[in-house]
Amino acid sequence: MSVAASDLFLTPPQVAKRYGVSEEKVIGWVRRGELRAINLAARRTGRPRWKIAYADLVAFESARAAVPAPPTTRRRRKSSDVTEYF
């Protein structure tokens, strides 16, 4: 099975549609460094054209995955032979 080069990268609108969020939210993730993206604009000072690699999207998903809290162990009270009355 061959994979087309266009399938390896997603645009912010495609990612937004995938997660059901706005495009601005995806661009915010990119600007904050939470989601890696490549700027393919002709000039660095121009309007950015973000492309997100599928591997980076998988890493983003795993970093945000819900992880169950570790089980807590209850501490036992020390047993003593003395009965205390208050």
PDB file of N, CA and C in Angstrom:
ATOM      1  N   MET A   1       0.847  -1.181   0.000  1.00  0.00           N
ATOM      2  CA  MET A   1       0.000   0.000   0.000  1.00  0.00           C
ATOM      3  C   MET A   1       0.886   1.235   0.000  1.00  0.00           C
ATOM      4  N   SER A   2       0.722   2.102  -0.934  1.00  0.00           N
ATOM      5  CA  SER A   2       1.515   3.316  -0.998  1.00  0.00           C
ATOM      6  C   SER A   2       0.731   4.479  -0.393  1.00  0.00           C
ATOM      7  N   VAL A   3       1.485   5.391   0.218  1.00  0.00           N
ATOM      8  CA  VAL A   3       0.873   6.548   0.860  1.00  0.00           C
ATOM      9  C   VAL A   3       1.280   7.781   0.072  1.00  0.00           C
ATOM     10  N   ALA A   4       0.304   8.584  -0.311  1.00  0.00           N
ATOM     11  CA  ALA A   4       0.594   9.811  -1.048  1.00  0.00           C
ATOM     12  C   ALA A   4       1.238  10.828  -0.129  1.00  0.00           C
ATOM     13  N   ALA A   5       2.075  11.688  -0.682  1.00  0.00           N
ATOM     14  CA  ALA A   5       2.767  12.704   0.116  1.00  0.00           C
ATOM     15  C   ALA A   5       1.786  13.657   0.781  1.00  0.00           C
ATOM     16  N   SER A   6       0.648  13.890   0.142  1.00  0.00           N
ATOM     17  CA  SER A   6      -0.335  14.806   0.725  1.00  0.00           C
ATOM     18  C   SER A   6      -1.006  14.197   1.950  1.00  0.00           C
ATOM     19  N   ASP A   7      -0.964  12.860   2.088  1.00  0.00           N
ATOM     20  CA  ASP A   7      -1.571  12.205   3.244  1.00  0.00           C
ATOM     21  C   ASP A   7      -0.691  12.274   4.482  1.00  0.00           C
ATOM     22  N   LEU A   8       0.578  12.612   4.309  1.00  0.00           N
ATOM     23  CA  LEU A   8       1.491  12.664   5.443  1.00  0.00           C
ATOM     24  C   LEU A   8       1.366  13.959   6.236  1.00  0.00           C
ATOM     25  N   PHE A   9       0.800  14.982   5.629  1.00  0.00           N
ATOM     26  CA  PHE A   9       0.662  16.276   6.276  1.00  0.00           C
ATOM     27  C   PHE A   9      -0.795  16.716   6.264  1.00  0.00           C
ATOM     28  N   LEU A  10      -1.190  17.398   7.335  1.00  0.00           N
ATOM     29  CA  LEU A  10      -2.542  17.948   7.435  1.00  0.00           C
ATOM     30  C   LEU A  10      -2.449  19.455   7.622  1.00  0.00           C
ATOM     31  N   THR A  11      -3.473  20.154   7.183  1.00  0.00           N
ATOM     32  CA  THR A  11      -3.553  21.592   7.385  1.00  0.00           C
ATOM     33  C   THR A  11      -4.335  21.860   8.674  1.00  0.00           C
ATOM     34  N   PRO A  12      -4.213  23.060   9.251  1.00  0.00           N
ATOM     35  CA  PRO A  12      -5.005  23.374  10.448  1.00  0.00           C
ATOM     36  C   PRO A  12      -6.509  23.175  10.273  1.00  0.00           C
ATOM     37  N   PRO A  13      -7.113  23.535   9.123  1.00  0.00           N
ATOM     38  CA  PRO A  13      -8.552  23.252   8.982  1.00  0.00           C
ATOM     39  C   PRO A  13      -8.876  21.758   9.028  1.00  0.00           C
ATOM     40  N   GLN A  14      -8.009  20.923   8.473  1.00  0.00           N
ATOM     41  CA  GLN A  14      -8.234  19.481   8.510  1.00  0.00           C
ATOM     42  C   GLN A  14      -8.139  18.943   9.938  1.00  0.00           C
ATOM     43  N   VAL A  15      -7.160  19.437  10.696  1.00  0.00           N
ATOM     44  CA  VAL A  15      -7.007  19.022  12.089  1.00  0.00           C
ATOM     45  C   VAL A  15      -8.200  19.509  12.908  1.00  0.00           C
ATOM     46  N   ALA A  16      -8.637  20.744  12.646  1.00  0.00           N
ATOM     47  CA  ALA A  16      -9.786  21.294  13.360  1.00  0.00           C
ATOM     48  C   ALA A  16     -11.034  20.462  13.092  1.00  0.00           C
ATOM     49  N   LYS A  17     -11.240  20.064  11.872  1.00  0.00           N
ATOM     50  CA  LYS A  17     -12.396  19.240  11.529  1.00  0.00           C
ATOM     51  C   LYS A  17     -12.299  17.871  12.201  1.00  0.00           C
ATOM     52  N   ARG A  18     -11.096  17.336  12.283  1.00  0.00           N
ATOM     53  CA  ARG A  18     -10.886  16.025  12.899  1.00  0.00           C
ATOM     54  C   ARG A  18     -11.270  16.030  14.372  1.00  0.00           C
ATOM     55  N   TYR A  19     -10.944  17.108  15.085  1.00  0.00           N
ATOM     56  CA  TYR A  19     -11.209  17.187  16.515  1.00  0.00           C
ATOM     57  C   TYR A  19     -12.472  17.962  16.864  1.00  0.00           C
ATOM     58  N   GLY A  20     -13.097  18.568  15.886  1.00  0.00           N
ATOM     59  CA  GLY A  20     -14.325  19.312  16.150  1.00  0.00           C
ATOM     60  C   GLY A  20     -14.079  20.616  16.893  1.00  0.00           C
ATOM     61  N   VAL A  21     -12.947  21.263  16.597  1.00  0.00           N
ATOM     62  CA  VAL A  21     -12.613  22.550  17.210  1.00  0.00           C
ATOM     63  C   VAL A  21     -12.422  23.570  16.095  1.00  0.00           C
ATOM     64  N   SER A  22     -12.192  24.819  16.478  1.00  0.00           N
ATOM     65  CA  SER A  22     -11.999  25.859  15.473  1.00  0.00           C
ATOM     66  C   SER A  22     -10.563  25.841  14.941  1.00  0.00           C
ATOM     67  N   GLU A  23     -10.397  26.410  13.775  1.00  0.00           N
ATOM     68  CA  GLU A  23      -9.066  26.523  13.183  1.00  0.00           C
ATOM     69  C   GLU A  23      -8.162  27.388  14.049  1.00  0.00           C
ATOM     70  N   GLU A  24      -8.725  28.418  14.680  1.00  0.00           N
ATOM     71  CA  GLU A  24      -7.940  29.303  15.546  1.00  0.00           C
ATOM     72  C   GLU A  24      -7.378  28.537  16.744  1.00  0.00           C
ATOM     73  N   LYS A  25      -8.125  27.565  17.248  1.00  0.00           N
ATOM     74  CA  LYS A  25      -7.668  26.741  18.368  1.00  0.00           C
ATOM     75  C   LYS A  25      -6.444  25.924  17.960  1.00  0.00           C
ATOM     76  N   VAL A  26      -6.484  25.346  16.767  1.00  0.00           N
ATOM     77  CA  VAL A  26      -5.360  24.555  16.267  1.00  0.00           C
ATOM     78  C   VAL A  26      -4.133  25.447  16.084  1.00  0.00           C
ATOM     79  N   ILE A  27      -4.327  26.625  15.516  1.00  0.00           N
ATOM     80  CA  ILE A  27      -3.212  27.551  15.322  1.00  0.00           C
ATOM     81  C   ILE A  27      -2.666  27.997  16.679  1.00  0.00           C
ATOM     82  N   GLY A  28      -3.531  28.141  17.675  1.00  0.00           N
ATOM     83  CA  GLY A  28      -3.080  28.461  19.026  1.00  0.00           C
ATOM     84  C   GLY A  28      -2.210  27.355  19.597  1.00  0.00           C
ATOM     85  N   TRP A  29      -2.576  26.096  19.365  1.00  0.00           N
ATOM     86  CA  TRP A  29      -1.740  24.974  19.809  1.00  0.00           C
ATOM     87  C   TRP A  29      -0.372  25.034  19.160  1.00  0.00           C
ATOM     88  N   VAL A  30      -0.347  25.403  17.885  1.00  0.00           N
ATOM     89  CA  VAL A  30       0.918  25.496  17.153  1.00  0.00           C
ATOM     90  C   VAL A  30       1.758  26.635  17.724  1.00  0.00           C
ATOM     91  N   ARG A  31       1.151  27.797  17.936  1.00  0.00           N
ATOM     92  CA  ARG A  31       1.907  28.959  18.440  1.00  0.00           C
ATOM     93  C   ARG A  31       2.434  28.743  19.854  1.00  0.00           C
ATOM     94  N   ARG A  32       1.673  27.995  20.685  1.00  0.00           N
ATOM     95  CA  ARG A  32       2.125  27.718  22.050  1.00  0.00           C
ATOM     96  C   ARG A  32       3.136  26.577  22.107  1.00  0.00           C
ATOM     97  N   GLY A  33       3.340  25.896  20.982  1.00  0.00           N
ATOM     98  CA  GLY A  33       4.308  24.810  20.941  1.00  0.00           C
ATOM     99  C   GLY A  33       3.748  23.469  21.383  1.00  0.00           C
ATOM    100  N   GLU A  34       2.451  23.369  21.579  1.00  0.00           N
ATOM    101  CA  GLU A  34       1.842  22.106  21.972  1.00  0.00           C
ATOM    102  C   GLU A  34       1.757  21.144  20.788  1.00  0.00           C
ATOM    103  N   LEU A  35       1.612  21.674  19.601  1.00  0.00           N
ATOM    104  CA  LEU A  35       1.496  20.882  18.378  1.00  0.00           C
ATOM    105  C   LEU A  35       2.555  21.368  17.399  1.00  0.00           C
ATOM    106  N   ARG A  36       3.438  20.455  16.997  1.00  0.00           N
ATOM    107  CA  ARG A  36       4.487  20.836  16.056  1.00  0.00           C
ATOM    108  C   ARG A  36       3.908  20.991  14.663  1.00  0.00           C
ATOM    109  N   ALA A  37       4.379  22.005  13.963  1.00  0.00           N
ATOM    110  CA  ALA A  37       3.941  22.255  12.593  1.00  0.00           C
ATOM    111  C   ALA A  37       5.090  22.869  11.818  1.00  0.00           C
ATOM    112  N   ILE A  38       4.993  22.789  10.516  1.00  0.00           N
ATOM    113  CA  ILE A  38       6.008  23.347   9.626  1.00  0.00           C
ATOM    114  C   ILE A  38       5.396  24.521   8.888  1.00  0.00           C
ATOM    115  N   ASN A  39       6.130  25.636   8.860  1.00  0.00           N
ATOM    116  CA  ASN A  39       5.670  26.813   8.132  1.00  0.00           C
ATOM    117  C   ASN A  39       6.209  26.732   6.710  1.00  0.00           C
ATOM    118  N   LEU A  40       5.312  26.571   5.745  1.00  0.00           N
ATOM    119  CA  LEU A  40       5.719  26.454   4.346  1.00  0.00           C
ATOM    120  C   LEU A  40       5.469  27.735   3.559  1.00  0.00           C
ATOM    121  N   ALA A  41       5.428  28.855   4.241  1.00  0.00           N
ATOM    122  CA  ALA A  41       5.225  30.139   3.558  1.00  0.00           C
ATOM    123  C   ALA A  41       6.445  30.463   2.706  1.00  0.00           C
ATOM    124  N   ALA A  42       6.222  31.240   1.657  1.00  0.00           N
ATOM    125  CA  ALA A  42       7.308  31.623   0.757  1.00  0.00           C
ATOM    126  C   ALA A  42       8.333  32.495   1.485  1.00  0.00           C
ATOM    127  N   ARG A  43       7.850  33.363   2.378  1.00  0.00           N
ATOM    128  CA  ARG A  43       8.748  34.215   3.165  1.00  0.00           C
ATOM    129  C   ARG A  43       8.439  34.011   4.641  1.00  0.00           C
ATOM    130  N   ARG A  44       9.456  34.047   5.472  1.00  0.00           N
ATOM    131  CA  ARG A  44       9.252  33.868   6.908  1.00  0.00           C
ATOM    132  C   ARG A  44       8.458  35.022   7.510  1.00  0.00           C
ATOM    133  N   THR A  45       8.528  36.182   6.889  1.00  0.00           N
ATOM    134  CA  THR A  45       7.810  37.335   7.421  1.00  0.00           C
ATOM    135  C   THR A  45       6.380  37.423   6.916  1.00  0.00           C
ATOM    136  N   GLY A  46       6.036  36.580   5.954  1.00  0.00           N
ATOM    137  CA  GLY A  46       4.693  36.602   5.387  1.00  0.00           C
ATOM    138  C   GLY A  46       3.713  35.809   6.235  1.00  0.00           C
ATOM    139  N   ARG A  47       2.536  35.649   5.704  1.00  0.00           N
ATOM    140  CA  ARG A  47       1.493  34.887   6.380  1.00  0.00           C
ATOM    141  C   ARG A  47       1.911  33.414   6.445  1.00  0.00           C
ATOM    142  N   PRO A  48       1.854  32.809   7.634  1.00  0.00           N
ATOM    143  CA  PRO A  48       2.289  31.414   7.741  1.00  0.00           C
ATOM    144  C   PRO A  48       1.318  30.448   7.068  1.00  0.00           C
ATOM    145  N   ARG A  49       1.885  29.418   6.475  1.00  0.00           N
ATOM    146  CA  ARG A  49       1.112  28.317   5.890  1.00  0.00           C
ATOM    147  C   ARG A  49       1.527  27.063   6.634  1.00  0.00           C
ATOM    148  N   TRP A  50       0.773  26.718   7.660  1.00  0.00           N
ATOM    149  CA  TRP A  50       1.143  25.608   8.525  1.00  0.00           C
ATOM    150  C   TRP A  50       0.760  24.271   7.911  1.00  0.00           C
ATOM    151  N   LYS A  51       1.664  23.309   8.033  1.00  0.00           N
ATOM    152  CA  LYS A  51       1.402  21.915   7.689  1.00  0.00           C
ATOM    153  C   LYS A  51       1.810  21.094   8.908  1.00  0.00           C
ATOM    154  N   ILE A  52       0.977  20.148   9.288  1.00  0.00           N
ATOM    155  CA  ILE A  52       1.203  19.347  10.480  1.00  0.00           C
ATOM    156  C   ILE A  52       1.441  17.905  10.053  1.00  0.00           C
ATOM    157  N   ALA A  53       2.597  17.385  10.420  1.00  0.00           N
ATOM    158  CA  ALA A  53       2.926  16.004  10.074  1.00  0.00           C
ATOM    159  C   ALA A  53       2.048  15.059  10.883  1.00  0.00           C
ATOM    160  N   TYR A  54       1.665  13.969  10.257  1.00  0.00           N
ATOM    161  CA  TYR A  54       0.798  12.997  10.929  1.00  0.00           C
ATOM    162  C   TYR A  54       1.483  12.435  12.168  1.00  0.00           C
ATOM    163  N   ALA A  55       2.786  12.222  12.118  1.00  0.00           N
ATOM    164  CA  ALA A  55       3.530  11.707  13.280  1.00  0.00           C
ATOM    165  C   ALA A  55       3.466  12.701  14.438  1.00  0.00           C
ATOM    166  N   ASP A  56       3.536  13.999  14.140  1.00  0.00           N
ATOM    167  CA  ASP A  56       3.429  15.016  15.190  1.00  0.00           C
ATOM    168  C   ASP A  56       2.018  15.052  15.768  1.00  0.00           C
ATOM    169  N   LEU A  57       1.037  14.784  14.955  1.00  0.00           N
ATOM    170  CA  LEU A  57      -0.342  14.741  15.429  1.00  0.00           C
ATOM    171  C   LEU A  57      -0.551  13.554  16.374  1.00  0.00           C
ATOM    172  N   VAL A  58       0.064  12.437  16.063  1.00  0.00           N
ATOM    173  CA  VAL A  58      -0.016  11.261  16.934  1.00  0.00           C
ATOM    174  C   VAL A  58       0.660  11.554  18.268  1.00  0.00           C
ATOM    175  N   ALA A  59       1.814  12.232  18.239  1.00  0.00           N
ATOM    176  CA  ALA A  59       2.517  12.599  19.478  1.00  0.00           C
ATOM    177  C   ALA A  59       1.674  13.569  20.305  1.00  0.00           C
ATOM    178  N   PHE A  60       1.004  14.509  19.649  1.00  0.00           N
ATOM    179  CA  PHE A  60       0.132  15.453  20.332  1.00  0.00           C
ATOM    180  C   PHE A  60      -1.009  14.719  21.017  1.00  0.00           C
ATOM    181  N   GLU A  61      -1.605  13.751  20.321  1.00  0.00           N
ATOM    182  CA  GLU A  61      -2.704  12.979  20.890  1.00  0.00           C
ATOM    183  C   GLU A  61      -2.247  12.176  22.100  1.00  0.00           C
ATOM    184  N   SER A  62      -1.095  11.562  22.019  1.00  0.00           N
ATOM    185  CA  SER A  62      -0.627  10.750  23.141  1.00  0.00           C
ATOM    186  C   SER A  62      -0.258  11.616  24.329  1.00  0.00           C
ATOM    187  N   ALA A  63       0.234  12.838  24.087  1.00  0.00           N
ATOM    188  CA  ALA A  63       0.565  13.742  25.194  1.00  0.00           C
ATOM    189  C   ALA A  63      -0.690  14.240  25.894  1.00  0.00           C
ATOM    190  N   ARG A  64      -1.807  14.311  25.187  1.00  0.00           N
ATOM    191  CA  ARG A  64      -3.056  14.798  25.768  1.00  0.00           C
ATOM    192  C   ARG A  64      -4.019  13.679  26.162  1.00  0.00           C
ATOM    193  N   ALA A  65      -3.578  12.448  26.027  1.00  0.00           N
ATOM    194  CA  ALA A  65      -4.450  11.316  26.351  1.00  0.00           C
ATOM    195  C   ALA A  65      -4.719  11.282  27.854  1.00  0.00           C
ATOM    196  N   ALA A  66      -5.927  10.909  28.194  1.00  0.00           N
ATOM    197  CA  ALA A  66      -6.293  10.796  29.601  1.00  0.00           C
ATOM    198  C   ALA A  66      -5.657   9.536  30.175  1.00  0.00           C
ATOM    199  N   VAL A  67      -4.970   9.722  31.277  1.00  0.00           N
ATOM    200  CA  VAL A  67      -4.302   8.612  31.942  1.00  0.00           C
ATOM    201  C   VAL A  67      -4.959   8.434  33.300  1.00  0.00           C
ATOM    202  N   PRO A  68      -5.374   7.224  33.630  1.00  0.00           N
ATOM    203  CA  PRO A  68      -6.010   7.038  34.935  1.00  0.00           C
ATOM    204  C   PRO A  68      -5.025   7.313  36.067  1.00  0.00           C
ATOM    205  N   ALA A  69      -5.543   7.854  37.139  1.00  0.00           N
ATOM    206  CA  ALA A  69      -4.704   8.171  38.288  1.00  0.00           C
ATOM    207  C   ALA A  69      -4.207   6.881  38.929  1.00  0.00           C
ATOM    208  N   PRO A  70      -2.987   6.896  39.431  1.00  0.00           N
ATOM    209  CA  PRO A  70      -2.477   5.688  40.080  1.00  0.00           C
ATOM    210  C   PRO A  70      -3.286   5.396  41.341  1.00  0.00           C
ATOM    211  N   PRO A  71      -3.465   4.133  41.659  1.00  0.00           N
ATOM    212  CA  PRO A  71      -4.254   3.801  42.845  1.00  0.00           C
ATOM    213  C   PRO A  71      -3.546   4.286  44.119  1.00  0.00           C
ATOM    214  N   THR A  72      -4.334   4.816  45.010  1.00  0.00           N
ATOM    215  CA  THR A  72      -3.761   5.291  46.268  1.00  0.00           C
ATOM    216  C   THR A  72      -3.908   4.197  47.311  1.00  0.00           C
ATOM    217  N   THR A  73      -2.889   4.075  48.128  1.00  0.00           N
ATOM    218  CA  THR A  73      -2.943   3.087  49.196  1.00  0.00           C
ATOM    219  C   THR A  73      -3.258   3.809  50.495  1.00  0.00           C
ATOM    220  N   ARG A  74      -4.106   3.198  51.277  1.00  0.00           N
ATOM    221  CA  ARG A  74      -4.474   3.800  52.550  1.00  0.00           C
ATOM    222  C   ARG A  74      -3.455   3.393  53.603  1.00  0.00           C
ATOM    223  N   ARG A  75      -3.137   4.353  54.428  1.00  0.00           N
ATOM    224  CA  ARG A  75      -2.201   4.075  55.503  1.00  0.00           C
ATOM    225  C   ARG A  75      -2.965   3.503  56.686  1.00  0.00           C
ATOM    226  N   ARG A  76      -2.419   2.491  57.251  1.00  0.00           N
ATOM    227  CA  ARG A  76      -3.055   1.864  58.404  1.00  0.00           C
ATOM    228  C   ARG A  76      -2.629   2.577  59.672  1.00  0.00           C
ATOM    229  N   ARG A  77      -3.524   2.618  60.586  1.00  0.00           N
ATOM    230  CA  ARG A  77      -3.197   3.177  61.887  1.00  0.00           C
ATOM    231  C   ARG A  77      -2.377   2.166  62.659  1.00  0.00           C
ATOM    232  N   LYS A  78      -1.481   2.682  63.424  1.00  0.00           N
ATOM    233  CA  LYS A  78      -0.697   1.802  64.268  1.00  0.00           C
ATOM    234  C   LYS A  78      -1.611   1.247  65.360  1.00  0.00           C
ATOM    235  N   SER A  79      -1.531  -0.012  65.550  1.00  0.00           N
ATOM    236  CA  SER A  79      -2.335  -0.608  66.599  1.00  0.00           C
ATOM    237  C   SER A  79      -1.518  -0.560  67.900  1.00  0.00           C
ATOM    238  N   SER A  80      -2.190  -0.233  68.946  1.00  0.00           N
ATOM    239  CA  SER A  80      -1.519  -0.185  70.246  1.00  0.00           C
ATOM    240  C   SER A  80      -2.367  -0.907  71.272  1.00  0.00           C
ATOM    241  N   ASP A  81      -1.741  -1.265  72.348  1.00  0.00           N
ATOM    242  CA  ASP A  81      -2.443  -1.972  73.416  1.00  0.00           C
ATOM    243  C   ASP A  81      -3.135  -1.034  74.371  1.00  0.00           C
ATOM    244  N   VAL A  82      -2.901   0.282  74.194  1.00  0.00           N
ATOM    245  CA  VAL A  82      -3.464   1.266  75.101  1.00  0.00           C
ATOM    246  C   VAL A  82      -4.769   1.778  74.502  1.00  0.00           C
ATOM    247  N   THR A  83      -5.814   1.799  75.301  1.00  0.00           N
ATOM    248  CA  THR A  83      -7.091   2.335  74.877  1.00  0.00           C
ATOM    249  C   THR A  83      -7.156   3.772  75.376  1.00  0.00           C
ATOM    250  N   GLU A  84      -7.357   4.680  74.447  1.00  0.00           N
ATOM    251  CA  GLU A  84      -7.411   6.082  74.820  1.00  0.00           C
ATOM    252  C   GLU A  84      -8.851   6.539  74.904  1.00  0.00           C
ATOM    253  N   TYR A  85      -9.158   7.287  75.979  1.00  0.00           N
ATOM    254  CA  TYR A  85     -10.489   7.860  76.160  1.00  0.00           C
ATOM    255  C   TYR A  85     -10.369   9.368  76.116  1.00  0.00           C
ATOM    256  N   PHE A  86     -11.239   9.987  75.380  1.00  0.00           N
ATOM    257  CA  PHE A  86     -11.191  11.432  75.270  1.00  0.00           C
ATOM    258  C   PHE A  86     -12.330  12.077  75.966  1.00  0.00           C
TER     259      PHE A  86
END
